[in-house]
Amino acid sequence: MNIGQLATKSGVNAKTIRYYEESGLIPPARRGANGYRMYGERDVQVLTFVRRARNLGFSVEDVGALLALWTDRDRASADVKELARTHIEEVDRRIEEMKSIRNTLADLIEHCHGDNRPDCPVLEALAGESSTDEQ
């Protein structure tokens, strides 16, 4: 199958497939006599795995480690579990970061009059200015 067909079957667009090949995440495709990339069903499985891992927020580097574990039949499930545990710690950290961002934005919005005046705490905060607006 060609890259367009692989993209359709795996749910990964062709540009991303090329990126994964160039970055070494997946092996380069075989080439036909015409120079076009040629793929098989195993490539669909690999890219589906990669897509699912990426959708769970794993980094490209971690996906590479997961792929290596997936293909290693002598792997220890403890290795997979540790990688996933480390990832969930990162997810928790990002959630806390997003909560902080949300709280900051909510506070700025609360102090914005939202009328025809030009004063805006949101813009002032982005510009690094202290608010001169009467709150």
C-alpha atoms as a PDB file:
ATOM      1  CA  MET A   1       0.000   0.000   0.000  1.00  0.00           C
ATOM      2  CA  ASN A   2       1.137   3.585  -0.524  1.00  0.00           C
ATOM      3  CA  ILE A   3       1.506   6.271   2.127  1.00  0.00           C
ATOM      4  CA  GLY A   4      -1.987   7.665   1.510  1.00  0.00           C
ATOM      5  CA  GLN A   5      -3.559   4.270   2.052  1.00  0.00           C
ATOM      6  CA  LEU A   6      -1.445   3.747   5.162  1.00  0.00           C
ATOM      7  CA  ALA A   7      -2.546   7.129   6.469  1.00  0.00           C
ATOM      8  CA  THR A   8      -6.193   6.220   5.979  1.00  0.00           C
ATOM      9  CA  LYS A   9      -5.878   2.785   7.582  1.00  0.00           C
ATOM     10  CA  SER A  10      -3.772   3.913  10.564  1.00  0.00           C
ATOM     11  CA  GLY A  11      -5.381   7.289  11.233  1.00  0.00           C
ATOM     12  CA  VAL A  12      -1.981   9.011  11.013  1.00  0.00           C
ATOM     13  CA  ASN A  13      -1.571  11.615   8.274  1.00  0.00           C
ATOM     14  CA  ALA A  14       1.119  11.202   5.628  1.00  0.00           C
ATOM     15  CA  LYS A  15       3.171  14.177   6.821  1.00  0.00           C
ATOM     16  CA  THR A  16       3.329  12.718  10.333  1.00  0.00           C
ATOM     17  CA  ILE A  17       4.282   9.301   8.962  1.00  0.00           C
ATOM     18  CA  ARG A  18       7.205  10.908   7.124  1.00  0.00           C
ATOM     19  CA  TYR A  19       8.199  12.742  10.324  1.00  0.00           C
ATOM     20  CA  TYR A  20       8.143   9.498  12.313  1.00  0.00           C
ATOM     21  CA  GLU A  21      10.358   7.872   9.689  1.00  0.00           C
ATOM     22  CA  GLU A  22      12.794  10.805   9.603  1.00  0.00           C
ATOM     23  CA  SER A  23      13.007  10.925  13.396  1.00  0.00           C
ATOM     24  CA  GLY A  24      13.716   7.194  13.567  1.00  0.00           C
ATOM     25  CA  LEU A  25      10.583   6.374  15.544  1.00  0.00           C
ATOM     26  CA  ILE A  26       9.526   3.926  12.856  1.00  0.00           C
ATOM     27  CA  PRO A  27      11.819   2.268  10.326  1.00  0.00           C
ATOM     28  CA  PRO A  28      12.027   3.762   6.843  1.00  0.00           C
ATOM     29  CA  ALA A  29       9.572   2.302   4.367  1.00  0.00           C
ATOM     30  CA  ARG A  30      10.598  -0.085   1.674  1.00  0.00           C
ATOM     31  CA  ARG A  31      10.790   1.576  -1.714  1.00  0.00           C
ATOM     32  CA  GLY A  32       9.377   0.265  -4.940  1.00  0.00           C
ATOM     33  CA  ALA A  33      11.190   0.435  -8.268  1.00  0.00           C
ATOM     34  CA  ASN A  34       9.449   3.772  -8.827  1.00  0.00           C
ATOM     35  CA  GLY A  35      10.936   5.135  -5.564  1.00  0.00           C
ATOM     36  CA  TYR A  36       7.583   5.347  -3.815  1.00  0.00           C
ATOM     37  CA  ARG A  37       7.210   4.192  -0.229  1.00  0.00           C
ATOM     38  CA  MET A  38       5.557   0.780   0.143  1.00  0.00           C
ATOM     39  CA  TYR A  39       3.873  -0.392   3.328  1.00  0.00           C
ATOM     40  CA  GLY A  40       2.278  -3.544   4.669  1.00  0.00           C
ATOM     41  CA  GLU A  41      -0.231  -4.512   7.349  1.00  0.00           C
ATOM     42  CA  ARG A  42       2.471  -4.566  10.029  1.00  0.00           C
ATOM     43  CA  ASP A  43       3.086  -0.869   9.327  1.00  0.00           C
ATOM     44  CA  VAL A  44      -0.615  -0.221   9.961  1.00  0.00           C
ATOM     45  CA  GLN A  45      -0.336  -1.981  13.324  1.00  0.00           C
ATOM     46  CA  VAL A  46       2.787  -0.047  14.293  1.00  0.00           C
ATOM     47  CA  LEU A  47       1.313   3.322  13.340  1.00  0.00           C
ATOM     48  CA  THR A  48      -1.952   2.543  15.094  1.00  0.00           C
ATOM     49  CA  PHE A  49       0.093   1.746  18.220  1.00  0.00           C
ATOM     50  CA  VAL A  50       2.020   5.001  17.836  1.00  0.00           C
ATOM     51  CA  ARG A  51      -1.176   7.024  17.303  1.00  0.00           C
ATOM     52  CA  ARG A  52      -2.806   5.564  20.397  1.00  0.00           C
ATOM     53  CA  ALA A  53       0.282   6.175  22.521  1.00  0.00           C
ATOM     54  CA  ARG A  54       0.549   9.747  21.258  1.00  0.00           C
ATOM     55  CA  ASN A  55      -3.163  10.284  21.975  1.00  0.00           C
ATOM     56  CA  LEU A  56      -2.408   9.298  25.573  1.00  0.00           C
ATOM     57  CA  GLY A  57       0.193  12.056  25.626  1.00  0.00           C
ATOM     58  CA  PHE A  58       3.356   9.966  25.479  1.00  0.00           C
ATOM     59  CA  SER A  59       6.324  11.838  24.016  1.00  0.00           C
ATOM     60  CA  VAL A  60       7.893  10.613  20.777  1.00  0.00           C
ATOM     61  CA  GLU A  61      10.839   9.379  22.849  1.00  0.00           C
ATOM     62  CA  ASP A  62       8.558   7.428  25.195  1.00  0.00           C
ATOM     63  CA  VAL A  63       6.626   6.015  22.244  1.00  0.00           C
ATOM     64  CA  GLY A  64       9.942   4.736  20.904  1.00  0.00           C
ATOM     65  CA  ALA A  65      10.602   3.024  24.231  1.00  0.00           C
ATOM     66  CA  LEU A  66       7.087   1.562  24.246  1.00  0.00           C
ATOM     67  CA  LEU A  67       7.518   0.288  20.686  1.00  0.00           C
ATOM     68  CA  ALA A  68      10.782  -1.395  21.681  1.00  0.00           C
ATOM     69  CA  LEU A  69       9.051  -3.034  24.640  1.00  0.00           C
ATOM     70  CA  TRP A  70       6.080  -4.056  22.472  1.00  0.00           C
ATOM     71  CA  THR A  71       8.289  -5.831  19.975  1.00  0.00           C
ATOM     72  CA  ASP A  72      10.503  -7.448  22.653  1.00  0.00           C
ATOM     73  CA  ARG A  73       8.800 -10.694  23.635  1.00  0.00           C
ATOM     74  CA  ASP A  74      11.320 -11.100  26.498  1.00  0.00           C
ATOM     75  CA  ARG A  75      10.284  -7.793  28.052  1.00  0.00           C
ATOM     76  CA  ALA A  76       9.308  -7.430  31.662  1.00  0.00           C
ATOM     77  CA  SER A  77       5.879  -5.910  32.183  1.00  0.00           C
ATOM     78  CA  ALA A  78       7.448  -4.021  35.097  1.00  0.00           C
ATOM     79  CA  ASP A  79       9.368  -1.941  32.545  1.00  0.00           C
ATOM     80  CA  VAL A  80       6.160  -0.997  30.763  1.00  0.00           C
ATOM     81  CA  LYS A  81       4.421  -0.236  34.044  1.00  0.00           C
ATOM     82  CA  GLU A  82       7.264   2.027  35.185  1.00  0.00           C
ATOM     83  CA  LEU A  83       7.226   3.965  31.924  1.00  0.00           C
ATOM     84  CA  ALA A  84       3.454   4.417  32.212  1.00  0.00           C
ATOM     85  CA  ARG A  85       3.746   5.379  35.885  1.00  0.00           C
ATOM     86  CA  THR A  86       6.346   8.018  35.059  1.00  0.00           C
ATOM     87  CA  HIS A  87       4.080   9.338  32.327  1.00  0.00           C
ATOM     88  CA  ILE A  88       1.095   9.634  34.647  1.00  0.00           C
ATOM     89  CA  GLU A  89       3.240  11.666  37.048  1.00  0.00           C
ATOM     90  CA  GLU A  90       3.979  14.046  34.172  1.00  0.00           C
ATOM     91  CA  VAL A  91       0.272  14.183  33.286  1.00  0.00           C
ATOM     92  CA  ASP A  92      -0.549  15.042  36.916  1.00  0.00           C
ATOM     93  CA  ARG A  93       2.091  17.794  36.867  1.00  0.00           C
ATOM     94  CA  ARG A  94       0.613  19.249  33.686  1.00  0.00           C
ATOM     95  CA  ILE A  95      -2.896  19.107  35.164  1.00  0.00           C
ATOM     96  CA  GLU A  96      -1.724  21.142  38.154  1.00  0.00           C
ATOM     97  CA  GLU A  97      -0.029  23.589  35.799  1.00  0.00           C
ATOM     98  CA  MET A  98      -3.227  23.940  33.767  1.00  0.00           C
ATOM     99  CA  LYS A  99      -5.257  24.488  36.951  1.00  0.00           C
ATOM    100  CA  SER A 100      -2.875  27.292  37.900  1.00  0.00           C
ATOM    101  CA  ILE A 101      -3.220  28.852  34.453  1.00  0.00           C
ATOM    102  CA  ARG A 102      -6.992  28.586  34.694  1.00  0.00           C
ATOM    103  CA  ASN A 103      -7.052  30.213  38.125  1.00  0.00           C
ATOM    104  CA  THR A 104      -4.839  33.077  36.943  1.00  0.00           C
ATOM    105  CA  LEU A 105      -7.053  33.678  33.913  1.00  0.00           C
ATOM    106  CA  ALA A 106     -10.222  33.509  36.014  1.00  0.00           C
ATOM    107  CA  ASP A 107      -8.777  36.100  38.395  1.00  0.00           C
ATOM    108  CA  LEU A 108      -7.798  38.401  35.533  1.00  0.00           C
ATOM    109  CA  ILE A 109     -11.238  38.056  33.944  1.00  0.00           C
ATOM    110  CA  GLU A 110     -12.914  38.774  37.260  1.00  0.00           C
ATOM    111  CA  HIS A 111     -11.001  42.059  37.511  1.00  0.00           C
ATOM    112  CA  CYS A 112     -11.737  43.101  33.940  1.00  0.00           C
ATOM    113  CA  HIS A 113     -14.648  45.513  33.660  1.00  0.00           C
ATOM    114  CA  GLY A 114     -15.572  44.199  30.220  1.00  0.00           C
ATOM    115  CA  ASP A 115     -16.941  47.540  29.091  1.00  0.00           C
ATOM    116  CA  ASN A 116     -15.857  50.287  26.685  1.00  0.00           C
ATOM    117  CA  ARG A 117     -12.885  51.386  28.806  1.00  0.00           C
ATOM    118  CA  PRO A 118      -9.438  50.537  27.417  1.00  0.00           C
ATOM    119  CA  ASP A 119      -8.089  49.290  30.762  1.00  0.00           C
ATOM    120  CA  CYS A 120      -7.734  45.519  30.696  1.00  0.00           C
ATOM    121  CA  PRO A 121      -6.020  43.447  33.411  1.00  0.00           C
ATOM    122  CA  VAL A 122      -5.619  40.532  30.987  1.00  0.00           C
ATOM    123  CA  LEU A 123      -3.572  42.621  28.550  1.00  0.00           C
ATOM    124  CA  GLU A 124      -1.690  44.320  31.370  1.00  0.00           C
ATOM    125  CA  ALA A 125      -0.675  40.955  32.808  1.00  0.00           C
ATOM    126  CA  LEU A 126       0.483  39.725  29.398  1.00  0.00           C
ATOM    127  CA  ALA A 127       2.516  42.905  28.966  1.00  0.00           C
ATOM    128  CA  GLY A 128       4.009  42.522  32.432  1.00  0.00           C
ATOM    129  CA  GLU A 129       2.440  45.726  33.679  1.00  0.00           C
ATOM    130  CA  SER A 130       0.929  46.143  37.104  1.00  0.00           C
ATOM    131  CA  SER A 131      -2.739  46.971  37.101  1.00  0.00           C
ATOM    132  CA  THR A 132      -3.557  50.646  37.608  1.00  0.00           C
ATOM    133  CA  ASP A 133      -7.245  49.887  37.312  1.00  0.00           C
ATOM    134  CA  GLU A 134      -9.339  50.468  40.407  1.00  0.00           C
ATOM    135  CA  GLN A 135     -10.578  47.090  41.484  1.00  0.00           C
END
